[in-house]
Amino acid sequence: MDTTKIMESHKIVAIAAASGVTAGVALIGAPVVLGVIGFTKVGVAAGSIAAAVQGPTTAAGSLFALCQSAGVLGTAVGTKAIIGGAAGTLGGAVAAIWK
């Protein structure tokens, strides 16, 4: 039995698993992290990190505005796809170069 082929197939499985796990953790973790830093369903929490960085005006489309929208409304399907895809790609890349 060719051990090189076996090791290569296990590496592919490990990369796929790392991609899936990373994407899942990011999808579950993003709303939790937003809440922890102060982007809640009722607005920016007083005394939070979000409140500390909030300026007198918030530009539409800014990172702050997007985080606030996600905190109030939840994460949109398209945003979840982007987060999952980016995190999965990152997890797969890290697994591929990990020796």
C-alpha atoms as a PDB file:
ATOM      1  CA  MET A   1       0.000   0.000   0.000  1.00  0.00           C
ATOM      2  CA  ASP A   2       1.334   3.421  -0.993  1.00  0.00           C
ATOM      3  CA  THR A   3       1.574   5.466   2.207  1.00  0.00           C
ATOM      4  CA  THR A   4       2.078   8.711   0.275  1.00  0.00           C
ATOM      5  CA  LYS A   5      -1.402   8.401  -1.258  1.00  0.00           C
ATOM      6  CA  ILE A   6      -2.929   7.602   2.133  1.00  0.00           C
ATOM      7  CA  MET A   7      -1.267  10.613   3.766  1.00  0.00           C
ATOM      8  CA  GLU A   8      -2.367  12.884   0.905  1.00  0.00           C
ATOM      9  CA  SER A   9      -5.993  11.736   1.195  1.00  0.00           C
ATOM     10  CA  HIS A  10      -5.947  12.321   4.950  1.00  0.00           C
ATOM     11  CA  LYS A  11      -4.561  15.822   4.400  1.00  0.00           C
ATOM     12  CA  ILE A  12      -7.451  16.631   2.054  1.00  0.00           C
ATOM     13  CA  VAL A  13      -9.948  15.402   4.652  1.00  0.00           C
ATOM     14  CA  ALA A  14      -8.222  17.486   7.338  1.00  0.00           C
ATOM     15  CA  ILE A  15      -8.344  20.616   5.161  1.00  0.00           C
ATOM     16  CA  ALA A  16     -12.039  20.083   4.396  1.00  0.00           C
ATOM     17  CA  ALA A  17     -12.818  19.482   8.073  1.00  0.00           C
ATOM     18  CA  ALA A  18     -10.904  22.599   9.142  1.00  0.00           C
ATOM     19  CA  SER A  19     -12.785  24.663   6.546  1.00  0.00           C
ATOM     20  CA  GLY A  20     -16.158  23.416   7.756  1.00  0.00           C
ATOM     21  CA  VAL A  21     -15.414  23.836  11.438  1.00  0.00           C
ATOM     22  CA  THR A  22     -13.995  27.331  10.968  1.00  0.00           C
ATOM     23  CA  ALA A  23     -17.008  28.423   8.917  1.00  0.00           C
ATOM     24  CA  GLY A  24     -19.427  27.021  11.510  1.00  0.00           C
ATOM     25  CA  VAL A  25     -17.664  28.685  14.419  1.00  0.00           C
ATOM     26  CA  ALA A  26     -17.631  32.021  12.581  1.00  0.00           C
ATOM     27  CA  LEU A  27     -21.344  31.827  11.774  1.00  0.00           C
ATOM     28  CA  ILE A  28     -22.235  31.054  15.374  1.00  0.00           C
ATOM     29  CA  GLY A  29     -19.629  33.340  16.895  1.00  0.00           C
ATOM     30  CA  ALA A  30     -20.254  36.525  14.898  1.00  0.00           C
ATOM     31  CA  PRO A  31     -23.614  37.382  16.524  1.00  0.00           C
ATOM     32  CA  VAL A  32     -22.246  36.474  19.951  1.00  0.00           C
ATOM     33  CA  VAL A  33     -19.218  38.725  19.509  1.00  0.00           C
ATOM     34  CA  LEU A  34     -21.408  41.605  18.301  1.00  0.00           C
ATOM     35  CA  GLY A  35     -23.530  41.302  21.435  1.00  0.00           C
ATOM     36  CA  VAL A  36     -20.524  41.092  23.722  1.00  0.00           C
ATOM     37  CA  ILE A  37     -18.983  44.291  22.347  1.00  0.00           C
ATOM     38  CA  GLY A  38     -22.279  46.155  22.656  1.00  0.00           C
ATOM     39  CA  PHE A  39     -24.273  45.858  19.420  1.00  0.00           C
ATOM     40  CA  THR A  40     -27.598  44.642  20.813  1.00  0.00           C
ATOM     41  CA  LYS A  41     -31.148  44.188  19.507  1.00  0.00           C
ATOM     42  CA  VAL A  42     -32.180  47.462  21.152  1.00  0.00           C
ATOM     43  CA  GLY A  43     -29.189  49.520  19.991  1.00  0.00           C
ATOM     44  CA  VAL A  44     -25.735  50.280  21.301  1.00  0.00           C
ATOM     45  CA  ALA A  45     -25.343  49.237  24.947  1.00  0.00           C
ATOM     46  CA  ALA A  46     -24.309  52.050  27.286  1.00  0.00           C
ATOM     47  CA  GLY A  47     -20.776  51.679  28.616  1.00  0.00           C
ATOM     48  CA  SER A  48     -19.824  49.081  25.990  1.00  0.00           C
ATOM     49  CA  ILE A  49     -16.934  48.985  23.549  1.00  0.00           C
ATOM     50  CA  ALA A  50     -19.404  49.924  20.796  1.00  0.00           C
ATOM     51  CA  ALA A  51     -20.501  52.976  22.779  1.00  0.00           C
ATOM     52  CA  ALA A  52     -16.882  54.000  23.291  1.00  0.00           C
ATOM     53  CA  VAL A  53     -16.125  54.021  19.556  1.00  0.00           C
ATOM     54  CA  GLN A  54     -19.447  55.506  18.456  1.00  0.00           C
ATOM     55  CA  GLY A  55     -19.030  58.976  16.996  1.00  0.00           C
ATOM     56  CA  PRO A  56     -21.563  61.812  16.938  1.00  0.00           C
ATOM     57  CA  THR A  57     -22.603  60.756  13.433  1.00  0.00           C
ATOM     58  CA  THR A  58     -22.442  57.367  11.773  1.00  0.00           C
ATOM     59  CA  ALA A  59     -21.906  57.187   8.030  1.00  0.00           C
ATOM     60  CA  ALA A  60     -24.200  54.834   6.153  1.00  0.00           C
ATOM     61  CA  GLY A  61     -22.323  51.732   5.097  1.00  0.00           C
ATOM     62  CA  SER A  62     -19.541  52.206   7.652  1.00  0.00           C
ATOM     63  CA  LEU A  63     -18.312  49.253   9.687  1.00  0.00           C
ATOM     64  CA  PHE A  64     -20.041  50.672  12.762  1.00  0.00           C
ATOM     65  CA  ALA A  65     -23.348  50.992  10.878  1.00  0.00           C
ATOM     66  CA  LEU A  66     -23.067  47.448   9.524  1.00  0.00           C
ATOM     67  CA  CYS A  67     -22.327  46.037  12.989  1.00  0.00           C
ATOM     68  CA  GLN A  68     -25.245  47.959  14.486  1.00  0.00           C
ATOM     69  CA  SER A  69     -27.569  46.715  11.757  1.00  0.00           C
ATOM     70  CA  ALA A  70     -26.450  43.126  12.344  1.00  0.00           C
ATOM     71  CA  GLY A  71     -26.891  43.584  16.102  1.00  0.00           C
ATOM     72  CA  VAL A  72     -30.434  44.912  15.757  1.00  0.00           C
ATOM     73  CA  LEU A  73     -31.746  42.872  12.832  1.00  0.00           C
ATOM     74  CA  GLY A  74     -29.529  39.809  12.946  1.00  0.00           C
ATOM     75  CA  THR A  75     -27.168  38.699  10.241  1.00  0.00           C
ATOM     76  CA  ALA A  76     -28.571  38.579   6.699  1.00  0.00           C
ATOM     77  CA  VAL A  77     -28.263  35.420   4.613  1.00  0.00           C
ATOM     78  CA  GLY A  78     -25.808  37.088   2.241  1.00  0.00           C
ATOM     79  CA  THR A  79     -23.664  38.257   5.138  1.00  0.00           C
ATOM     80  CA  LYS A  80     -23.697  34.762   6.610  1.00  0.00           C
ATOM     81  CA  ALA A  81     -22.530  33.391   3.260  1.00  0.00           C
ATOM     82  CA  ILE A  82     -19.666  35.886   3.134  1.00  0.00           C
ATOM     83  CA  ILE A  83     -18.631  35.244   6.748  1.00  0.00           C
ATOM     84  CA  GLY A  84     -18.835  31.466   6.316  1.00  0.00           C
ATOM     85  CA  GLY A  85     -17.003  31.496   3.002  1.00  0.00           C
ATOM     86  CA  ALA A  86     -14.226  33.764   4.212  1.00  0.00           C
ATOM     87  CA  ALA A  87     -13.761  31.878   7.475  1.00  0.00           C
ATOM     88  CA  GLY A  88     -13.891  28.506   5.722  1.00  0.00           C
ATOM     89  CA  THR A  89     -11.296  29.627   3.200  1.00  0.00           C
ATOM     90  CA  LEU A  90      -9.048  30.913   5.969  1.00  0.00           C
ATOM     91  CA  GLY A  91      -9.436  27.695   7.966  1.00  0.00           C
ATOM     92  CA  GLY A  92      -8.670  25.578   4.902  1.00  0.00           C
ATOM     93  CA  ALA A  93      -5.637  27.670   4.040  1.00  0.00           C
ATOM     94  CA  VAL A  94      -4.236  27.402   7.555  1.00  0.00           C
ATOM     95  CA  ALA A  95      -4.812  23.639   7.535  1.00  0.00           C
ATOM     96  CA  ALA A  96      -3.134  23.314   4.139  1.00  0.00           C
ATOM     97  CA  ILE A  97       0.067  25.044   5.263  1.00  0.00           C
ATOM     98  CA  TRP A  98       0.145  23.495   8.757  1.00  0.00           C
ATOM     99  CA  LYS A  99       2.768  20.786   8.847  1.00  0.00           C
END
